[in-house]
């Protein structure tokens, strides 16, 4: 059935059409379809099998969680008390206070300022 130069989709639909014709006239072919397109490609079609209703179960109903302000889950507690990396702290502070992250870095001029002891202790 391979015709050189024929579009792959045309070949696929033509083979599916021929398969459906043979199914309609009562042949004993399986419901699965396997078509060998080339030496490289094989197309398989497996129709969905109906699931018997007698083997099905209803979905379990979820219990509604109480809407409480004091309710805190374990994941939130772990997230709050985990050790933080020092380089991520300014970004977290910036998100909390809606500012830019540069306000939370230490200023270099404060580190370089002289630490002089006043000559008069009462000042």
PDB file of N, CA and C in Angstrom:
ATOM      1  N   UNK A   1       0.810  -1.190   0.000  1.00  0.00           N
ATOM      2  CA  UNK A   1       0.000   0.000   0.000  1.00  0.00           C
ATOM      3  C   UNK A   1       0.852   1.252   0.000  1.00  0.00           C
ATOM      4  N   UNK A   2       2.149   1.130   0.080  1.00  0.00           N
ATOM      5  CA  UNK A   2       3.034   2.289   0.096  1.00  0.00           C
ATOM      6  C   UNK A   2       3.132   2.895  -1.285  1.00  0.00           C
ATOM      7  N   UNK A   3       2.803   4.162  -1.381  1.00  0.00           N
ATOM      8  CA  UNK A   3       2.906   4.891  -2.641  1.00  0.00           C
ATOM      9  C   UNK A   3       3.899   6.011  -2.409  1.00  0.00           C
ATOM     10  N   UNK A   4       5.032   6.045  -3.144  1.00  0.00           N
ATOM     11  CA  UNK A   4       6.005   7.109  -2.929  1.00  0.00           C
ATOM     12  C   UNK A   4       5.415   8.464  -3.285  1.00  0.00           C
ATOM     13  N   UNK A   5       5.722   9.439  -2.473  1.00  0.00           N
ATOM     14  CA  UNK A   5       5.249  10.797  -2.717  1.00  0.00           C
ATOM     15  C   UNK A   5       3.899  11.084  -2.094  1.00  0.00           C
ATOM     16  N   UNK A   6       3.219  10.091  -1.487  1.00  0.00           N
ATOM     17  CA  UNK A   6       1.920  10.326  -0.874  1.00  0.00           C
ATOM     18  C   UNK A   6       2.125  10.913   0.523  1.00  0.00           C
ATOM     19  N   UNK A   7       1.312  11.835   0.880  1.00  0.00           N
ATOM     20  CA  UNK A   7       1.393  12.472   2.187  1.00  0.00           C
ATOM     21  C   UNK A   7       1.152  11.430   3.282  1.00  0.00           C
ATOM     22  N   UNK A   8       1.881  11.563   4.383  1.00  0.00           N
ATOM     23  CA  UNK A   8       1.770  10.617   5.489  1.00  0.00           C
ATOM     24  C   UNK A   8       0.367  10.628   6.085  1.00  0.00           C
ATOM     25  N   UNK A   9      -0.227  11.795   6.249  1.00  0.00           N
ATOM     26  CA  UNK A   9      -1.574  11.884   6.818  1.00  0.00           C
ATOM     27  C   UNK A   9      -2.608  11.238   5.903  1.00  0.00           C
ATOM     28  N   UNK A  10      -2.432  11.403   4.595  1.00  0.00           N
ATOM     29  CA  UNK A  10      -3.378  10.803   3.654  1.00  0.00           C
ATOM     30  C   UNK A  10      -3.313   9.285   3.765  1.00  0.00           C
ATOM     31  N   UNK A  11      -2.086   8.755   3.882  1.00  0.00           N
ATOM     32  CA  UNK A  11      -1.940   7.303   4.017  1.00  0.00           C
ATOM     33  C   UNK A  11      -2.572   6.807   5.310  1.00  0.00           C
ATOM     34  N   UNK A  12      -2.388   7.552   6.380  1.00  0.00           N
ATOM     35  CA  UNK A  12      -2.944   7.147   7.664  1.00  0.00           C
ATOM     36  C   UNK A  12      -4.473   7.124   7.606  1.00  0.00           C
ATOM     37  N   UNK A  13      -5.083   8.185   7.088  1.00  0.00           N
ATOM     38  CA  UNK A  13      -6.538   8.240   7.039  1.00  0.00           C
ATOM     39  C   UNK A  13      -7.106   7.217   6.052  1.00  0.00           C
ATOM     40  N   UNK A  14      -6.399   6.982   4.976  1.00  0.00           N
ATOM     41  CA  UNK A  14      -6.868   5.982   4.021  1.00  0.00           C
ATOM     42  C   UNK A  14      -6.862   4.598   4.653  1.00  0.00           C
ATOM     43  N   UNK A  15      -5.805   4.299   5.422  1.00  0.00           N
ATOM     44  CA  UNK A  15      -5.748   2.981   6.062  1.00  0.00           C
ATOM     45  C   UNK A  15      -6.799   2.879   7.170  1.00  0.00           C
ATOM     46  N   UNK A  16      -7.041   3.971   7.916  1.00  0.00           N
ATOM     47  CA  UNK A  16      -8.091   3.944   8.931  1.00  0.00           C
ATOM     48  C   UNK A  16      -9.470   3.757   8.290  1.00  0.00           C
ATOM     49  N   UNK A  17      -9.693   4.377   7.145  1.00  0.00           N
ATOM     50  CA  UNK A  17     -10.971   4.250   6.448  1.00  0.00           C
ATOM     51  C   UNK A  17     -11.184   2.814   5.981  1.00  0.00           C
ATOM     52  N   UNK A  18     -10.126   2.216   5.425  1.00  0.00           N
ATOM     53  CA  UNK A  18     -10.242   0.835   4.980  1.00  0.00           C
ATOM     54  C   UNK A  18     -10.496  -0.095   6.154  1.00  0.00           C
ATOM     55  N   UNK A  19      -9.851   0.205   7.285  1.00  0.00           N
ATOM     56  CA  UNK A  19     -10.053  -0.614   8.473  1.00  0.00           C
ATOM     57  C   UNK A  19     -11.497  -0.489   8.966  1.00  0.00           C
ATOM     58  N   UNK A  20     -12.048   0.736   8.928  1.00  0.00           N
ATOM     59  CA  UNK A  20     -13.416   0.917   9.403  1.00  0.00           C
ATOM     60  C   UNK A  20     -14.413   0.225   8.473  1.00  0.00           C
ATOM     61  N   UNK A  21     -14.120   0.165   7.181  1.00  0.00           N
ATOM     62  CA  UNK A  21     -15.003  -0.535   6.257  1.00  0.00           C
ATOM     63  C   UNK A  21     -15.014  -2.033   6.553  1.00  0.00           C
ATOM     64  N   UNK A  22     -13.842  -2.589   6.833  1.00  0.00           N
ATOM     65  CA  UNK A  22     -13.801  -4.023   7.116  1.00  0.00           C
ATOM     66  C   UNK A  22     -14.475  -4.316   8.444  1.00  0.00           C
ATOM     67  N   UNK A  23     -14.399  -3.400   9.412  1.00  0.00           N
ATOM     68  CA  UNK A  23     -15.079  -3.601  10.701  1.00  0.00           C
ATOM     69  C   UNK A  23     -16.598  -3.526  10.529  1.00  0.00           C
ATOM     70  N   UNK A  24     -17.053  -2.677   9.634  1.00  0.00           N
ATOM     71  CA  UNK A  24     -18.487  -2.481   9.449  1.00  0.00           C
ATOM     72  C   UNK A  24     -19.151  -3.705   8.826  1.00  0.00           C
ATOM     73  N   UNK A  25     -18.417  -4.451   8.041  1.00  0.00           N
ATOM     74  CA  UNK A  25     -19.018  -5.603   7.364  1.00  0.00           C
ATOM     75  C   UNK A  25     -18.776  -6.913   8.108  1.00  0.00           C
ATOM     76  N   UNK A  26     -18.445  -6.866   9.378  1.00  0.00           N
ATOM     77  CA  UNK A  26     -18.459  -8.040  10.222  1.00  0.00           C
ATOM     78  C   UNK A  26     -17.232  -8.919  10.177  1.00  0.00           C
ATOM     79  N   UNK A  27     -16.089  -8.386   9.853  1.00  0.00           N
ATOM     80  CA  UNK A  27     -14.888  -9.213   9.921  1.00  0.00           C
ATOM     81  C   UNK A  27     -14.463  -9.345  11.365  1.00  0.00           C
ATOM     82  N   UNK A  28     -13.646 -10.305  11.661  1.00  0.00           N
ATOM     83  CA  UNK A  28     -13.225 -10.574  13.031  1.00  0.00           C
ATOM     84  C   UNK A  28     -11.889  -9.926  13.357  1.00  0.00           C
ATOM     85  N   UNK A  29     -11.638  -8.765  12.846  1.00  0.00           N
ATOM     86  CA  UNK A  29     -10.396  -8.066  13.152  1.00  0.00           C
ATOM     87  C   UNK A  29     -10.436  -7.541  14.586  1.00  0.00           C
ATOM     88  N   UNK A  30      -9.300  -7.426  15.228  1.00  0.00           N
ATOM     89  CA  UNK A  30      -9.298  -6.860  16.586  1.00  0.00           C
ATOM     90  C   UNK A  30      -9.651  -5.376  16.546  1.00  0.00           C
ATOM     91  N   UNK A  31     -10.058  -4.862  17.698  1.00  0.00           N
ATOM     92  CA  UNK A  31     -10.455  -3.458  17.747  1.00  0.00           C
ATOM     93  C   UNK A  31      -9.250  -2.528  17.678  1.00  0.00           C
ATOM     94  N   UNK A  32      -8.055  -3.053  17.922  1.00  0.00           N
ATOM     95  CA  UNK A  32      -6.852  -2.236  17.812  1.00  0.00           C
ATOM     96  C   UNK A  32      -6.434  -2.172  16.350  1.00  0.00           C
ATOM     97  N   UNK A  33      -5.821  -1.095  15.964  1.00  0.00           N
ATOM     98  CA  UNK A  33      -5.383  -0.909  14.590  1.00  0.00           C
ATOM     99  C   UNK A  33      -3.882  -0.710  14.592  1.00  0.00           C
ATOM    100  N   UNK A  34      -3.177  -1.466  13.792  1.00  0.00           N
ATOM    101  CA  UNK A  34      -1.738  -1.322  13.629  1.00  0.00           C
ATOM    102  C   UNK A  34      -1.470  -1.145  12.151  1.00  0.00           C
ATOM    103  N   UNK A  35      -0.847  -0.031  11.798  1.00  0.00           N
ATOM    104  CA  UNK A  35      -0.551   0.272  10.413  1.00  0.00           C
ATOM    105  C   UNK A  35       0.950   0.479  10.298  1.00  0.00           C
ATOM    106  N   UNK A  36       1.590  -0.211   9.387  1.00  0.00           N
ATOM    107  CA  UNK A  36       3.016  -0.051   9.136  1.00  0.00           C
ATOM    108  C   UNK A  36       3.176   0.953   8.013  1.00  0.00           C
ATOM    109  N   UNK A  37       3.640   2.152   8.353  1.00  0.00           N
ATOM    110  CA  UNK A  37       3.759   3.203   7.352  1.00  0.00           C
ATOM    111  C   UNK A  37       5.017   3.024   6.502  1.00  0.00           C
ATOM    112  N   UNK A  38       6.142   2.914   7.154  1.00  0.00           N
ATOM    113  CA  UNK A  38       7.434   2.751   6.488  1.00  0.00           C
ATOM    114  C   UNK A  38       8.181   1.660   7.230  1.00  0.00           C
ATOM    115  N   UNK A  39       9.464   1.541   6.891  1.00  0.00           N
ATOM    116  CA  UNK A  39      10.316   0.658   7.670  1.00  0.00           C
ATOM    117  C   UNK A  39      10.619   1.279   9.027  1.00  0.00           C
ATOM    118  N   UNK A  40      10.387   2.567   9.143  1.00  0.00           N
ATOM    119  CA  UNK A  40      10.741   3.296  10.364  1.00  0.00           C
ATOM    120  C   UNK A  40       9.547   3.477  11.291  1.00  0.00           C
ATOM    121  N   UNK A  41       8.353   3.717  10.736  1.00  0.00           N
ATOM    122  CA  UNK A  41       7.229   4.152  11.557  1.00  0.00           C
ATOM    123  C   UNK A  41       6.090   3.149  11.540  1.00  0.00           C
ATOM    124  N   UNK A  42       5.539   2.938  12.743  1.00  0.00           N
ATOM    125  CA  UNK A  42       4.363   2.098  12.915  1.00  0.00           C
ATOM    126  C   UNK A  42       3.340   2.929  13.674  1.00  0.00           C
ATOM    127  N   UNK A  43       2.108   2.972  13.182  1.00  0.00           N
ATOM    128  CA  UNK A  43       1.047   3.723  13.834  1.00  0.00           C
ATOM    129  C   UNK A  43       0.086   2.726  14.467  1.00  0.00           C
ATOM    130  N   UNK A  44      -0.189   2.903  15.766  1.00  0.00           N
ATOM    131  CA  UNK A  44      -1.103   2.023  16.484  1.00  0.00           C
ATOM    132  C   UNK A  44      -2.258   2.854  17.025  1.00  0.00           C
ATOM    133  N   UNK A  45      -3.445   2.269  16.984  1.00  0.00           N
ATOM    134  CA  UNK A  45      -4.626   2.934  17.528  1.00  0.00           C
ATOM    135  C   UNK A  45      -5.331   1.946  18.434  1.00  0.00           C
ATOM    136  N   UNK A  46      -5.505   2.359  19.677  1.00  0.00           N
ATOM    137  CA  UNK A  46      -6.181   1.526  20.669  1.00  0.00           C
ATOM    138  C   UNK A  46      -7.391   2.310  21.172  1.00  0.00           C
ATOM    139  N   UNK A  47      -8.593   1.915  20.803  1.00  0.00           N
ATOM    140  CA  UNK A  47      -9.756   2.657  21.286  1.00  0.00           C
ATOM    141  C   UNK A  47      -9.939   2.459  22.791  1.00  0.00           C
ATOM    142  N   UNK A  48     -10.523   3.434  23.413  1.00  0.00           N
ATOM    143  CA  UNK A  48     -10.726   3.379  24.858  1.00  0.00           C
ATOM    144  C   UNK A  48     -11.778   2.322  25.188  1.00  0.00           C
ATOM    145  N   UNK A  49     -11.422   1.448  26.121  1.00  0.00           N
ATOM    146  CA  UNK A  49     -12.340   0.383  26.519  1.00  0.00           C
ATOM    147  C   UNK A  49     -13.316   0.928  27.563  1.00  0.00           C
ATOM    148  N   UNK A  50     -14.586   0.602  27.456  1.00  0.00           N
ATOM    149  CA  UNK A  50     -15.538   1.089  28.470  1.00  0.00           C
ATOM    150  C   UNK A  50     -15.286   0.391  29.809  1.00  0.00           C
ATOM    151  N   UNK A  51     -15.342   1.178  30.870  1.00  0.00           N
ATOM    152  CA  UNK A  51     -15.116   0.639  32.205  1.00  0.00           C
ATOM    153  C   UNK A  51     -16.459   0.218  32.791  1.00  0.00           C
ATOM    154  N   UNK A  52     -16.574  -1.012  33.322  1.00  0.00           N
ATOM    155  CA  UNK A  52     -17.867  -1.455  33.865  1.00  0.00           C
ATOM    156  C   UNK A  52     -18.277  -0.630  35.085  1.00  0.00           C
ATOM    157  N   UNK A  53     -19.526  -0.237  35.104  1.00  0.00           N
ATOM    158  CA  UNK A  53     -20.025   0.608  36.190  1.00  0.00           C
ATOM    159  C   UNK A  53     -20.013  -0.128  37.528  1.00  0.00           C
ATOM    160  N   UNK A  54     -20.186  -1.439  37.498  1.00  0.00           N
ATOM    161  CA  UNK A  54     -20.273  -2.184  38.758  1.00  0.00           C
ATOM    162  C   UNK A  54     -18.933  -2.214  39.499  1.00  0.00           C
ATOM    163  N   UNK A  55     -17.817  -1.947  38.796  1.00  0.00           N
ATOM    164  CA  UNK A  55     -16.506  -1.932  39.447  1.00  0.00           C
ATOM    165  C   UNK A  55     -16.083  -0.524  39.870  1.00  0.00           C
ATOM    166  N   UNK A  56     -16.886   0.469  39.605  1.00  0.00           N
ATOM    167  CA  UNK A  56     -16.506   1.844  39.943  1.00  0.00           C
ATOM    168  C   UNK A  56     -16.897   2.172  41.381  1.00  0.00           C
ATOM    169  N   UNK A  57     -16.197   3.135  41.948  1.00  0.00           N
ATOM    170  CA  UNK A  57     -16.473   3.604  43.310  1.00  0.00           C
ATOM    171  C   UNK A  57     -16.723   5.109  43.275  1.00  0.00           C
ATOM    172  N   UNK A  58     -17.505   5.623  44.199  1.00  0.00           N
ATOM    173  CA  UNK A  58     -17.657   7.081  44.247  1.00  0.00           C
ATOM    174  C   UNK A  58     -16.388   7.720  44.800  1.00  0.00           C
ATOM    175  N   UNK A  59     -16.148   8.952  44.401  1.00  0.00           N
ATOM    176  CA  UNK A  59     -14.993   9.680  44.920  1.00  0.00           C
ATOM    177  C   UNK A  59     -15.210  10.001  46.386  1.00  0.00           C
ATOM    178  N   UNK A  60     -14.146   9.919  47.185  1.00  0.00           N
ATOM    179  CA  UNK A  60     -14.325  10.259  48.601  1.00  0.00           C
ATOM    180  C   UNK A  60     -14.600  11.753  48.760  1.00  0.00           C
ATOM    181  N   UNK A  61     -15.485  12.060  49.666  1.00  0.00           N
ATOM    182  CA  UNK A  61     -15.827  13.467  49.901  1.00  0.00           C
ATOM    183  C   UNK A  61     -14.775  14.085  50.811  1.00  0.00           C
ATOM    184  N   UNK A  62     -14.342  15.261  50.443  1.00  0.00           N
ATOM    185  CA  UNK A  62     -13.353  15.967  51.254  1.00  0.00           C
ATOM    186  C   UNK A  62     -14.054  16.648  52.419  1.00  0.00           C
ATOM    187  N   UNK A  63     -13.439  16.542  53.580  1.00  0.00           N
ATOM    188  CA  UNK A  63     -13.970  17.227  54.748  1.00  0.00           C
ATOM    189  C   UNK A  63     -13.632  18.709  54.636  1.00  0.00           C
ATOM    190  N   UNK A  64     -14.576  19.593  54.824  1.00  0.00           N
ATOM    191  CA  UNK A  64     -14.256  21.023  54.723  1.00  0.00           C
ATOM    192  C   UNK A  64     -13.348  21.444  55.872  1.00  0.00           C
ATOM    193  N   UNK A  65     -12.311  22.172  55.513  1.00  0.00           N
ATOM    194  CA  UNK A  65     -11.379  22.659  56.526  1.00  0.00           C
ATOM    195  C   UNK A  65     -11.969  23.909  57.174  1.00  0.00           C
ATOM    196  N   UNK A  66     -11.826  24.025  58.479  1.00  0.00           N
ATOM    197  CA  UNK A  66     -12.381  25.209  59.142  1.00  0.00           C
ATOM    198  C   UNK A  66     -11.620  26.461  58.731  1.00  0.00           C
ATOM    199  N   UNK A  67     -12.375  27.505  58.466  1.00  0.00           N
ATOM    200  CA  UNK A  67     -11.771  28.788  58.106  1.00  0.00           C
ATOM    201  C   UNK A  67     -11.417  29.527  59.383  1.00  0.00           C
ATOM    202  N   UNK A  68     -10.170  29.452  59.767  1.00  0.00           N
ATOM    203  CA  UNK A  68      -9.742  30.086  60.996  1.00  0.00           C
ATOM    204  C   UNK A  68      -8.480  30.895  60.730  1.00  0.00           C
ATOM    205  N   UNK A  69      -8.362  32.004  61.404  1.00  0.00           N
ATOM    206  CA  UNK A  69      -7.177  32.834  61.262  1.00  0.00           C
ATOM    207  C   UNK A  69      -5.989  32.164  61.956  1.00  0.00           C
ATOM    208  N   UNK A  70      -6.257  31.408  62.999  1.00  0.00           N
ATOM    209  CA  UNK A  70      -5.187  30.811  63.783  1.00  0.00           C
ATOM    210  C   UNK A  70      -4.682  29.497  63.191  1.00  0.00           C
ATOM    211  N   UNK A  71      -5.331  28.995  62.160  1.00  0.00           N
ATOM    212  CA  UNK A  71      -4.909  27.729  61.576  1.00  0.00           C
ATOM    213  C   UNK A  71      -3.623  27.935  60.776  1.00  0.00           C
ATOM    214  N   UNK A  72      -2.576  27.211  61.147  1.00  0.00           N
ATOM    215  CA  UNK A  72      -1.302  27.288  60.446  1.00  0.00           C
ATOM    216  C   UNK A  72      -0.865  25.861  60.176  1.00  0.00           C
ATOM    217  N   UNK A  73      -0.493  25.587  58.933  1.00  0.00           N
ATOM    218  CA  UNK A  73      -0.064  24.248  58.572  1.00  0.00           C
ATOM    219  C   UNK A  73       1.395  24.008  58.902  1.00  0.00           C
ATOM    220  N   UNK A  74       1.802  22.752  58.830  1.00  0.00           N
ATOM    221  CA  UNK A  74       3.185  22.389  59.125  1.00  0.00           C
ATOM    222  C   UNK A  74       4.153  22.976  58.116  1.00  0.00           C
ATOM    223  N   UNK A  75       3.740  23.062  56.860  1.00  0.00           N
ATOM    224  CA  UNK A  75       4.660  23.584  55.847  1.00  0.00           C
ATOM    225  C   UNK A  75       4.974  25.059  56.098  1.00  0.00           C
ATOM    226  N   UNK A  76       3.971  25.827  56.534  1.00  0.00           N
ATOM    227  CA  UNK A  76       4.228  27.242  56.817  1.00  0.00           C
ATOM    228  C   UNK A  76       5.160  27.400  58.017  1.00  0.00           C
ATOM    229  N   UNK A  77       4.988  26.531  59.013  1.00  0.00           N
ATOM    230  CA  UNK A  77       5.856  26.608  60.193  1.00  0.00           C
ATOM    231  C   UNK A  77       7.286  26.263  59.821  1.00  0.00           C
ATOM    232  N   UNK A  78       7.449  25.204  59.028  1.00  0.00           N
ATOM    233  CA  UNK A  78       8.806  24.833  58.608  1.00  0.00           C
ATOM    234  C   UNK A  78       9.435  25.912  57.758  1.00  0.00           C
ATOM    235  N   UNK A  79       8.631  26.552  56.912  1.00  0.00           N
ATOM    236  CA  UNK A  79       9.165  27.603  56.054  1.00  0.00           C
ATOM    237  C   UNK A  79       9.642  28.802  56.873  1.00  0.00           C
ATOM    238  N   UNK A  80       8.912  29.115  57.963  1.00  0.00           N
ATOM    239  CA  UNK A  80       9.283  30.267  58.768  1.00  0.00           C
ATOM    240  C   UNK A  80      10.554  30.034  59.586  1.00  0.00           C
ATOM    241  N   UNK A  81      10.766  28.808  60.049  1.00  0.00           N
ATOM    242  CA  UNK A  81      11.885  28.553  60.950  1.00  0.00           C
ATOM    243  C   UNK A  81      13.074  27.881  60.286  1.00  0.00           C
ATOM    244  N   UNK A  82      13.082  27.770  58.988  1.00  0.00           N
ATOM    245  CA  UNK A  82      14.253  27.192  58.325  1.00  0.00           C
ATOM    246  C   UNK A  82      15.376  28.227  58.301  1.00  0.00           C
ATOM    247  N   UNK A  83      16.632  27.780  58.304  1.00  0.00           N
ATOM    248  CA  UNK A  83      17.732  28.760  58.259  1.00  0.00           C
ATOM    249  C   UNK A  83      17.777  29.436  56.888  1.00  0.00           C
ATOM    250  N   UNK A  84      17.978  30.731  56.896  1.00  0.00           N
ATOM    251  CA  UNK A  84      17.975  31.503  55.662  1.00  0.00           C
ATOM    252  C   UNK A  84      19.412  31.798  55.225  1.00  0.00           C
ATOM    253  N   UNK A  85      19.577  31.867  53.909  1.00  0.00           N
ATOM    254  CA  UNK A  85      20.887  32.258  53.382  1.00  0.00           C
ATOM    255  C   UNK A  85      21.031  33.764  53.534  1.00  0.00           C
ATOM    256  N   UNK A  86      22.241  34.207  53.844  1.00  0.00           N
ATOM    257  CA  UNK A  86      22.455  35.628  54.094  1.00  0.00           C
ATOM    258  C   UNK A  86      22.244  36.478  52.845  1.00  0.00           C
ATOM    259  N   UNK A  87      22.505  35.924  51.679  1.00  0.00           N
ATOM    260  CA  UNK A  87      22.357  36.730  50.475  1.00  0.00           C
ATOM    261  C   UNK A  87      20.901  36.885  50.040  1.00  0.00           C
ATOM    262  N   UNK A  88      19.971  36.086  50.596  1.00  0.00           N
ATOM    263  CA  UNK A  88      18.562  36.192  50.233  1.00  0.00           C
ATOM    264  C   UNK A  88      17.748  37.040  51.213  1.00  0.00           C
ATOM    265  N   UNK A  89      18.329  37.391  52.337  1.00  0.00           N
ATOM    266  CA  UNK A  89      17.606  38.160  53.357  1.00  0.00           C
ATOM    267  C   UNK A  89      17.191  39.545  52.849  1.00  0.00           C
ATOM    268  N   UNK A  90      18.055  40.306  52.171  1.00  0.00           N
ATOM    269  CA  UNK A  90      17.591  41.615  51.666  1.00  0.00           C
ATOM    270  C   UNK A  90      16.430  41.516  50.681  1.00  0.00           C
ATOM    271  N   UNK A  91      16.414  40.491  49.847  1.00  0.00           N
ATOM    272  CA  UNK A  91      15.307  40.338  48.903  1.00  0.00           C
ATOM    273  C   UNK A  91      14.002  40.025  49.626  1.00  0.00           C
ATOM    274  N   UNK A  92      14.066  39.196  50.680  1.00  0.00           N
ATOM    275  CA  UNK A  92      12.856  38.895  51.445  1.00  0.00           C
ATOM    276  C   UNK A  92      12.345  40.125  52.179  1.00  0.00           C
ATOM    277  N   UNK A  93      13.258  40.898  52.751  1.00  0.00           N
ATOM    278  CA  UNK A  93      12.850  42.136  53.429  1.00  0.00           C
ATOM    279  C   UNK A  93      12.237  43.122  52.445  1.00  0.00           C
ATOM    280  N   UNK A  94      12.778  43.174  51.241  1.00  0.00           N
ATOM    281  CA  UNK A  94      12.223  44.075  50.224  1.00  0.00           C
ATOM    282  C   UNK A  94      10.822  43.644  49.825  1.00  0.00           C
ATOM    283  N   UNK A  95      10.561  42.341  49.739  1.00  0.00           N
ATOM    284  CA  UNK A  95       9.219  41.868  49.402  1.00  0.00           C
ATOM    285  C   UNK A  95       8.231  42.188  50.519  1.00  0.00           C
ATOM    286  N   UNK A  96       8.672  42.063  51.759  1.00  0.00           N
ATOM    287  CA  UNK A  96       7.783  42.322  52.889  1.00  0.00           C
ATOM    288  C   UNK A  96       7.415  43.800  52.970  1.00  0.00           C
ATOM    289  N   UNK A  97       8.403  44.676  52.777  1.00  0.00           N
ATOM    290  CA  UNK A  97       8.179  46.111  52.961  1.00  0.00           C
ATOM    291  C   UNK A  97       7.889  46.859  51.667  1.00  0.00           C
ATOM    292  N   UNK A  98       7.844  46.171  50.515  1.00  0.00           N
ATOM    293  CA  UNK A  98       7.585  46.794  49.219  1.00  0.00           C
ATOM    294  C   UNK A  98       8.590  47.896  48.912  1.00  0.00           C
ATOM    295  N   UNK A  99       9.843  47.625  49.151  1.00  0.00           N
ATOM    296  CA  UNK A  99      10.923  48.559  48.815  1.00  0.00           C
ATOM    297  C   UNK A  99      11.899  47.833  47.901  1.00  0.00           C
ATOM    298  N   UNK A 100      12.933  48.544  47.461  1.00  0.00           N
ATOM    299  CA  UNK A 100      13.939  47.872  46.646  1.00  0.00           C
ATOM    300  C   UNK A 100      14.933  47.169  47.570  1.00  0.00           C
ATOM    301  N   UNK A 101      15.604  46.182  47.028  1.00  0.00           N
ATOM    302  CA  UNK A 101      16.475  45.364  47.864  1.00  0.00           C
ATOM    303  C   UNK A 101      17.734  46.110  48.298  1.00  0.00           C
ATOM    304  N   UNK A 102      18.079  47.196  47.616  1.00  0.00           N
ATOM    305  CA  UNK A 102      19.323  47.891  47.926  1.00  0.00           C
ATOM    306  C   UNK A 102      19.270  48.645  49.249  1.00  0.00           C
ATOM    307  N   UNK A 103      18.074  48.930  49.738  1.00  0.00           N
ATOM    308  CA  UNK A 103      17.983  49.612  51.023  1.00  0.00           C
ATOM    309  C   UNK A 103      18.406  48.714  52.172  1.00  0.00           C
ATOM    310  N   UNK A 104      18.414  47.412  51.962  1.00  0.00           N
ATOM    311  CA  UNK A 104      18.687  46.492  53.052  1.00  0.00           C
ATOM    312  C   UNK A 104      20.131  46.008  53.083  1.00  0.00           C
ATOM    313  N   UNK A 105      20.960  46.475  52.165  1.00  0.00           N
ATOM    314  CA  UNK A 105      22.383  46.140  52.204  1.00  0.00           C
ATOM    315  C   UNK A 105      23.097  47.152  53.093  1.00  0.00           C
ATOM    316  N   UNK A 106      24.134  46.731  53.813  1.00  0.00           N
ATOM    317  CA  UNK A 106      24.867  47.696  54.651  1.00  0.00           C
ATOM    318  C   UNK A 106      25.634  48.681  53.766  1.00  0.00           C
ATOM    319  N   UNK A 107      25.732  49.918  54.249  1.00  0.00           N
ATOM    320  CA  UNK A 107      26.442  50.944  53.486  1.00  0.00           C
ATOM    321  C   UNK A 107      27.928  50.864  53.788  1.00  0.00           C
ATOM    322  N   UNK A 108      28.737  50.986  52.763  1.00  0.00           N
ATOM    323  CA  UNK A 108      30.188  50.884  52.926  1.00  0.00           C
ATOM    324  C   UNK A 108      30.739  52.082  53.685  1.00  0.00           C
ATOM    325  N   UNK A 109      30.110  53.243  53.533  1.00  0.00           N
ATOM    326  CA  UNK A 109      30.638  54.436  54.215  1.00  0.00           C
ATOM    327  C   UNK A 109      30.491  54.327  55.729  1.00  0.00           C
ATOM    328  N   UNK A 110      29.491  53.576  56.189  1.00  0.00           N
ATOM    329  CA  UNK A 110      29.352  53.388  57.631  1.00  0.00           C
ATOM    330  C   UNK A 110      30.444  52.479  58.175  1.00  0.00           C
ATOM    331  N   UNK A 111      30.888  51.553  57.392  1.00  0.00           N
ATOM    332  CA  UNK A 111      31.959  50.668  57.842  1.00  0.00           C
ATOM    333  C   UNK A 111      33.299  51.389  57.885  1.00  0.00           C
ATOM    334  N   UNK A 112      33.470  52.340  56.955  1.00  0.00           N
ATOM    335  CA  UNK A 112      34.761  53.035  56.859  1.00  0.00           C
ATOM    336  C   UNK A 112      34.853  54.223  57.809  1.00  0.00           C
ATOM    337  N   UNK A 113      33.755  54.603  58.420  1.00  0.00           N
ATOM    338  CA  UNK A 113      33.776  55.781  59.301  1.00  0.00           C
ATOM    339  C   UNK A 113      34.672  55.511  60.509  1.00  0.00           C
ATOM    340  N   UNK A 114      35.352  56.568  60.945  1.00  0.00           N
ATOM    341  CA  UNK A 114      36.263  56.419  62.081  1.00  0.00           C
ATOM    342  C   UNK A 114      35.473  56.251  63.365  1.00  0.00           C
ATOM    343  N   UNK A 115      35.939  55.377  64.176  1.00  0.00           N
ATOM    344  CA  UNK A 115      35.342  55.164  65.493  1.00  0.00           C
ATOM    345  C   UNK A 115      36.246  55.858  66.524  1.00  0.00           C
ATOM    346  N   UNK A 116      36.025  57.114  66.727  1.00  0.00           N
ATOM    347  CA  UNK A 116      36.856  57.869  67.671  1.00  0.00           C
ATOM    348  C   UNK A 116      36.156  57.944  69.009  1.00  0.00           C
ATOM    349  N   UNK A 117      36.943  57.868  70.039  1.00  0.00           N
ATOM    350  CA  UNK A 117      36.417  57.983  71.405  1.00  0.00           C
ATOM    351  C   UNK A 117      36.366  59.481  71.740  1.00  0.00           C
ATOM    352  N   UNK A 118      35.229  59.957  72.254  1.00  0.00           N
ATOM    353  CA  UNK A 118      35.193  61.389  72.580  1.00  0.00           C
ATOM    354  C   UNK A 118      36.174  61.725  73.711  1.00  0.00           C
ATOM    355  N   UNK A 119      36.823  62.905  73.590  1.00  0.00           N
ATOM    356  CA  UNK A 119      37.782  63.294  74.618  1.00  0.00           C
ATOM    357  C   UNK A 119      37.103  63.718  75.908  1.00  0.00           C
ATOM    358  N   UNK A 120      35.838  64.081  75.814  1.00  0.00           N
ATOM    359  CA  UNK A 120      35.092  64.431  77.015  1.00  0.00           C
ATOM    360  C   UNK A 120      33.971  63.439  77.182  1.00  0.00           C
ATOM    361  N   UNK A 121      33.936  62.692  78.291  1.00  0.00           N
ATOM    362  CA  UNK A 121      32.948  61.616  78.449  1.00  0.00           C
ATOM    363  C   UNK A 121      31.524  62.134  78.626  1.00  0.00           C
ATOM    364  N   UNK A 122      31.341  63.369  78.996  1.00  0.00           N
ATOM    365  CA  UNK A 122      29.982  63.850  79.221  1.00  0.00           C
ATOM    366  C   UNK A 122      29.294  64.243  77.919  1.00  0.00           C
ATOM    367  N   UNK A 123      29.986  64.182  76.783  1.00  0.00           N
ATOM    368  CA  UNK A 123      29.338  64.511  75.494  1.00  0.00           C
ATOM    369  C   UNK A 123      28.647  63.334  74.933  1.00  0.00           C
TER     370      UNK A 123
END
